[in-house]
Amino acid sequence: MDQNLLIVIAVFVFVAAVALCIQAGLLFGIYRSARTMEEKASTLLPKVDALVESSRAAVDDSRKQIHEITVKTNDILDVTRKQLARIDEVLEDAAGRARVQFDRAEMVLDDTMNRAHETVALVHNGIMKPLREIQGVSAGIRAALSYLSRNRNGPVPATADEEMFI
């Protein structure tokens, strides 16, 4: 082998050895960081466990309460549906009765109007028509009496004077 090649290989071996030492140092630093993190995590672990346990208890209590609320809400909804069905029946019944009463009131009003119209017609034909006939007869009698009782003398002199001016 050539001397230059041997030097180049030795340099590369030295560089590789230095790189391995640096890697070993970095690996040792990572190991120490991991140990410190583990120590810090081990101090936090009881606190986290307590927090997890209290969270579980809170979630369990919440589940129970949510279940109770859901059951009560479903009961309330069932009662509400039943009450709404009853109210709907009552409203339908009331609307039907109101419709019937309105129809009856309309029939009574129509009957009353017909009777009033018949009464007016009877008054007109039974009372007013004979009164008008009596009034017509009395007017005729008055005119006849007036005609018969009037003097047949000549025209009134004032009337004669007036006729000359016309």
C-alpha atoms as a PDB file:
ATOM      1  CA  MET A   1       0.000   0.000   0.000  1.00  0.00           C
ATOM      2  CA  ASP A   2       0.974   3.387  -0.637  1.00  0.00           C
ATOM      3  CA  GLN A   3       2.062   5.690   2.140  1.00  0.00           C
ATOM      4  CA  ASN A   4      -0.399   8.417   1.133  1.00  0.00           C
ATOM      5  CA  LEU A   5      -3.240   6.012   1.120  1.00  0.00           C
ATOM      6  CA  LEU A   6      -2.276   4.851   4.566  1.00  0.00           C
ATOM      7  CA  ILE A   7      -2.232   8.454   5.840  1.00  0.00           C
ATOM      8  CA  VAL A   8      -5.630   9.179   4.298  1.00  0.00           C
ATOM      9  CA  ILE A   9      -7.085   6.037   5.873  1.00  0.00           C
ATOM     10  CA  ALA A  10      -5.537   6.946   9.234  1.00  0.00           C
ATOM     11  CA  VAL A  11      -7.011  10.467   9.016  1.00  0.00           C
ATOM     12  CA  PHE A  12     -10.429   9.064   8.195  1.00  0.00           C
ATOM     13  CA  VAL A  13     -10.174   6.536  11.005  1.00  0.00           C
ATOM     14  CA  PHE A  14      -9.211   9.367  13.389  1.00  0.00           C
ATOM     15  CA  VAL A  15     -12.136  11.512  12.163  1.00  0.00           C
ATOM     16  CA  ALA A  16     -14.470   8.536  12.602  1.00  0.00           C
ATOM     17  CA  ALA A  17     -13.097   7.937  16.114  1.00  0.00           C
ATOM     18  CA  VAL A  18     -13.614  11.614  17.022  1.00  0.00           C
ATOM     19  CA  ALA A  19     -17.156  11.459  15.600  1.00  0.00           C
ATOM     20  CA  LEU A  20     -17.840   8.342  17.662  1.00  0.00           C
ATOM     21  CA  CYS A  21     -16.521  10.079  20.790  1.00  0.00           C
ATOM     22  CA  ILE A  22     -18.705  13.104  20.081  1.00  0.00           C
ATOM     23  CA  GLN A  23     -21.681  10.806  19.529  1.00  0.00           C
ATOM     24  CA  ALA A  24     -20.895   9.003  22.773  1.00  0.00           C
ATOM     25  CA  GLY A  25     -20.758  12.369  24.579  1.00  0.00           C
ATOM     26  CA  LEU A  26     -24.051  13.455  23.039  1.00  0.00           C
ATOM     27  CA  LEU A  27     -25.573  10.087  23.883  1.00  0.00           C
ATOM     28  CA  PHE A  28     -24.391  10.513  27.488  1.00  0.00           C
ATOM     29  CA  GLY A  29     -25.956  14.026  27.504  1.00  0.00           C
ATOM     30  CA  ILE A  30     -29.214  12.577  26.207  1.00  0.00           C
ATOM     31  CA  TYR A  31     -29.027   9.900  28.901  1.00  0.00           C
ATOM     32  CA  ARG A  32     -28.554  12.528  31.626  1.00  0.00           C
ATOM     33  CA  SER A  33     -31.412  14.642  30.201  1.00  0.00           C
ATOM     34  CA  ALA A  34     -33.622  11.582  30.154  1.00  0.00           C
ATOM     35  CA  ARG A  35     -32.699  10.833  33.787  1.00  0.00           C
ATOM     36  CA  THR A  36     -33.560  14.410  34.865  1.00  0.00           C
ATOM     37  CA  MET A  37     -36.802  14.259  32.935  1.00  0.00           C
ATOM     38  CA  GLU A  38     -37.564  10.913  34.548  1.00  0.00           C
ATOM     39  CA  GLU A  39     -36.883  12.368  38.006  1.00  0.00           C
ATOM     40  CA  LYS A  40     -39.101  15.373  37.301  1.00  0.00           C
ATOM     41  CA  ALA A  41     -41.781  13.116  35.835  1.00  0.00           C
ATOM     42  CA  SER A  42     -41.595  10.816  38.844  1.00  0.00           C
ATOM     43  CA  THR A  43     -42.232  13.808  41.124  1.00  0.00           C
ATOM     44  CA  LEU A  44     -45.207  14.835  38.966  1.00  0.00           C
ATOM     45  CA  LEU A  45     -46.551  11.301  38.605  1.00  0.00           C
ATOM     46  CA  PRO A  46     -48.446  11.212  41.953  1.00  0.00           C
ATOM     47  CA  LYS A  47     -50.031  14.578  41.172  1.00  0.00           C
ATOM     48  CA  VAL A  48     -51.049  13.400  37.712  1.00  0.00           C
ATOM     49  CA  ASP A  49     -52.404  10.143  39.153  1.00  0.00           C
ATOM     50  CA  ALA A  50     -54.471  12.104  41.685  1.00  0.00           C
ATOM     51  CA  LEU A  51     -55.724  14.385  38.912  1.00  0.00           C
ATOM     52  CA  VAL A  52     -56.631  11.410  36.724  1.00  0.00           C
ATOM     53  CA  GLU A  53     -58.418   9.746  39.639  1.00  0.00           C
ATOM     54  CA  SER A  54     -60.402  12.895  40.481  1.00  0.00           C
ATOM     55  CA  SER A  55     -61.213  13.330  36.786  1.00  0.00           C
ATOM     56  CA  ARG A  56     -62.518   9.764  36.651  1.00  0.00           C
ATOM     57  CA  ALA A  57     -64.626  10.351  39.735  1.00  0.00           C
ATOM     58  CA  ALA A  58     -65.987  13.594  38.252  1.00  0.00           C
ATOM     59  CA  VAL A  59     -66.747  11.858  34.954  1.00  0.00           C
ATOM     60  CA  ASP A  60     -68.498   8.996  36.784  1.00  0.00           C
ATOM     61  CA  ASP A  61     -70.575  11.454  38.830  1.00  0.00           C
ATOM     62  CA  SER A  62     -71.347  13.425  35.690  1.00  0.00           C
ATOM     63  CA  ARG A  63     -72.447  10.251  33.920  1.00  0.00           C
ATOM     64  CA  LYS A  64     -74.797   9.410  36.771  1.00  0.00           C
ATOM     65  CA  GLN A  65     -76.196  12.939  36.830  1.00  0.00           C
ATOM     66  CA  ILE A  66     -76.495  13.059  33.054  1.00  0.00           C
ATOM     67  CA  HIS A  67     -78.315   9.724  33.124  1.00  0.00           C
ATOM     68  CA  GLU A  68     -80.695  11.006  35.817  1.00  0.00           C
ATOM     69  CA  ILE A  69     -81.263  14.237  33.894  1.00  0.00           C
ATOM     70  CA  THR A  70     -81.890  12.272  30.698  1.00  0.00           C
ATOM     71  CA  VAL A  71     -84.424  10.027  32.437  1.00  0.00           C
ATOM     72  CA  LYS A  72     -86.195  13.011  34.018  1.00  0.00           C
ATOM     73  CA  THR A  73     -86.164  14.910  30.727  1.00  0.00           C
ATOM     74  CA  ASN A  74     -87.682  11.926  28.922  1.00  0.00           C
ATOM     75  CA  ASP A  75     -90.356  11.662  31.624  1.00  0.00           C
ATOM     76  CA  ILE A  76     -91.111  15.372  31.291  1.00  0.00           C
ATOM     77  CA  LEU A  77     -91.317  15.042  27.505  1.00  0.00           C
ATOM     78  CA  ASP A  78     -93.707  12.090  27.822  1.00  0.00           C
ATOM     79  CA  VAL A  79     -95.939  14.010  30.235  1.00  0.00           C
ATOM     80  CA  THR A  80     -95.775  17.059  27.975  1.00  0.00           C
ATOM     81  CA  ARG A  81     -96.800  14.986  24.948  1.00  0.00           C
ATOM     82  CA  LYS A  82     -99.749  13.559  26.871  1.00  0.00           C
ATOM     83  CA  GLN A  83    -100.799  17.008  28.095  1.00  0.00           C
ATOM     84  CA  LEU A  84    -100.496  18.450  24.590  1.00  0.00           C
ATOM     85  CA  ALA A  85    -102.650  15.617  23.261  1.00  0.00           C
ATOM     86  CA  ARG A  86    -105.268  16.391  25.911  1.00  0.00           C
ATOM     87  CA  ILE A  87    -105.088  20.109  25.184  1.00  0.00           C
ATOM     88  CA  ASP A  88    -105.454  19.359  21.480  1.00  0.00           C
ATOM     89  CA  GLU A  89    -108.554  17.271  22.200  1.00  0.00           C
ATOM     90  CA  VAL A  90    -110.011  20.020  24.398  1.00  0.00           C
ATOM     91  CA  LEU A  91    -109.324  22.663  21.745  1.00  0.00           C
ATOM     92  CA  GLU A  92    -110.883  20.522  19.030  1.00  0.00           C
ATOM     93  CA  ASP A  93    -113.930  19.930  21.240  1.00  0.00           C
ATOM     94  CA  ALA A  94    -114.188  23.635  22.059  1.00  0.00           C
ATOM     95  CA  ALA A  95    -113.831  24.567  18.401  1.00  0.00           C
ATOM     96  CA  GLY A  96    -116.554  22.076  17.463  1.00  0.00           C
ATOM     97  CA  ARG A  97    -118.871  23.360  20.161  1.00  0.00           C
ATOM     98  CA  ALA A  98    -118.180  26.962  19.203  1.00  0.00           C
ATOM     99  CA  ARG A  99    -118.923  26.103  15.582  1.00  0.00           C
ATOM    100  CA  VAL A 100    -122.229  24.465  16.580  1.00  0.00           C
ATOM    101  CA  GLN A 101    -123.163  27.427  18.810  1.00  0.00           C
ATOM    102  CA  PHE A 102    -122.266  29.844  16.032  1.00  0.00           C
ATOM    103  CA  ASP A 103    -124.464  27.904  13.607  1.00  0.00           C
ATOM    104  CA  ARG A 104    -127.309  27.949  16.131  1.00  0.00           C
ATOM    105  CA  ALA A 105    -126.891  31.669  16.728  1.00  0.00           C
ATOM    106  CA  GLU A 106    -126.913  32.244  12.979  1.00  0.00           C
ATOM    107  CA  MET A 107    -130.111  30.211  12.634  1.00  0.00           C
ATOM    108  CA  VAL A 108    -131.752  32.133  15.512  1.00  0.00           C
ATOM    109  CA  LEU A 109    -130.667  35.437  13.968  1.00  0.00           C
ATOM    110  CA  ASP A 110    -132.003  34.411  10.549  1.00  0.00           C
ATOM    111  CA  ASP A 111    -135.286  33.295  12.135  1.00  0.00           C
ATOM    112  CA  THR A 112    -135.542  36.569  14.068  1.00  0.00           C
ATOM    113  CA  MET A 113    -134.868  38.584  10.925  1.00  0.00           C
ATOM    114  CA  ASN A 114    -137.503  36.608   9.007  1.00  0.00           C
ATOM    115  CA  ARG A 115    -140.045  37.135  11.774  1.00  0.00           C
ATOM    116  CA  ALA A 116    -139.258  40.852  11.948  1.00  0.00           C
ATOM    117  CA  HIS A 117    -139.668  41.079   8.182  1.00  0.00           C
ATOM    118  CA  GLU A 118    -142.991  39.223   8.390  1.00  0.00           C
ATOM    119  CA  THR A 119    -144.113  41.495  11.245  1.00  0.00           C
ATOM    120  CA  VAL A 120    -143.246  44.606   9.240  1.00  0.00           C
ATOM    121  CA  ALA A 121    -145.109  43.182   6.232  1.00  0.00           C
ATOM    122  CA  LEU A 122    -148.142  42.388   8.410  1.00  0.00           C
ATOM    123  CA  VAL A 123    -148.095  45.877   9.949  1.00  0.00           C
ATOM    124  CA  HIS A 124    -147.765  47.390   6.502  1.00  0.00           C
ATOM    125  CA  ASN A 125    -150.528  45.286   4.947  1.00  0.00           C
ATOM    126  CA  GLY A 126    -152.751  45.008   8.007  1.00  0.00           C
ATOM    127  CA  ILE A 127    -152.557  48.508   9.487  1.00  0.00           C
ATOM    128  CA  MET A 128    -150.863  50.962   7.156  1.00  0.00           C
ATOM    129  CA  LYS A 129    -152.681  49.961   3.988  1.00  0.00           C
ATOM    130  CA  PRO A 130    -156.156  50.310   5.559  1.00  0.00           C
ATOM    131  CA  LEU A 131    -155.097  53.615   7.165  1.00  0.00           C
ATOM    132  CA  ARG A 132    -154.023  54.917   3.776  1.00  0.00           C
ATOM    133  CA  GLU A 133    -157.268  53.743   2.255  1.00  0.00           C
ATOM    134  CA  ILE A 134    -159.242  55.445   5.060  1.00  0.00           C
ATOM    135  CA  GLN A 135    -157.152  58.580   4.588  1.00  0.00           C
ATOM    136  CA  GLY A 136    -157.820  58.456   0.830  1.00  0.00           C
ATOM    137  CA  VAL A 137    -161.558  58.003   1.396  1.00  0.00           C
ATOM    138  CA  SER A 138    -161.628  60.838   3.962  1.00  0.00           C
ATOM    139  CA  ALA A 139    -159.705  63.096   1.569  1.00  0.00           C
ATOM    140  CA  GLY A 140    -162.244  62.284  -1.138  1.00  0.00           C
ATOM    141  CA  ILE A 141    -165.143  63.009   1.230  1.00  0.00           C
ATOM    142  CA  ARG A 142    -163.543  66.312   2.275  1.00  0.00           C
ATOM    143  CA  ALA A 143    -163.032  67.280  -1.340  1.00  0.00           C
ATOM    144  CA  ALA A 144    -166.638  66.412  -2.151  1.00  0.00           C
ATOM    145  CA  LEU A 145    -167.943  68.333   0.869  1.00  0.00           C
ATOM    146  CA  SER A 146    -165.741  71.252   0.022  1.00  0.00           C
ATOM    147  CA  TYR A 147    -166.982  71.226  -3.526  1.00  0.00           C
ATOM    148  CA  LEU A 148    -170.597  71.000  -2.445  1.00  0.00           C
ATOM    149  CA  SER A 149    -170.336  73.636   0.259  1.00  0.00           C
ATOM    150  CA  ARG A 150    -168.657  76.243  -1.824  1.00  0.00           C
ATOM    151  CA  ASN A 151    -170.719  79.179  -3.165  1.00  0.00           C
ATOM    152  CA  ARG A 152    -171.502  79.270  -6.808  1.00  0.00           C
ATOM    153  CA  ASN A 153    -171.502  83.003  -6.982  1.00  0.00           C
ATOM    154  CA  GLY A 154    -169.235  84.385  -9.589  1.00  0.00           C
ATOM    155  CA  PRO A 155    -165.637  84.836  -9.338  1.00  0.00           C
ATOM    156  CA  VAL A 156    -164.276  86.916  -6.553  1.00  0.00           C
ATOM    157  CA  PRO A 157    -163.791  90.499  -7.721  1.00  0.00           C
ATOM    158  CA  ALA A 158    -160.144  90.466  -6.835  1.00  0.00           C
ATOM    159  CA  THR A 159    -159.719  87.448  -9.022  1.00  0.00           C
ATOM    160  CA  ALA A 160    -161.416  89.226 -11.914  1.00  0.00           C
ATOM    161  CA  ASP A 161    -159.076  92.176 -11.552  1.00  0.00           C
ATOM    162  CA  GLU A 162    -156.113  89.907 -11.534  1.00  0.00           C
ATOM    163  CA  GLU A 163    -157.268  88.159 -14.670  1.00  0.00           C
ATOM    164  CA  MET A 164    -157.306  91.454 -16.527  1.00  0.00           C
ATOM    165  CA  PHE A 165    -153.683  92.073 -15.789  1.00  0.00           C
ATOM    166  CA  ILE A 166    -152.650  88.696 -17.052  1.00  0.00           C
END
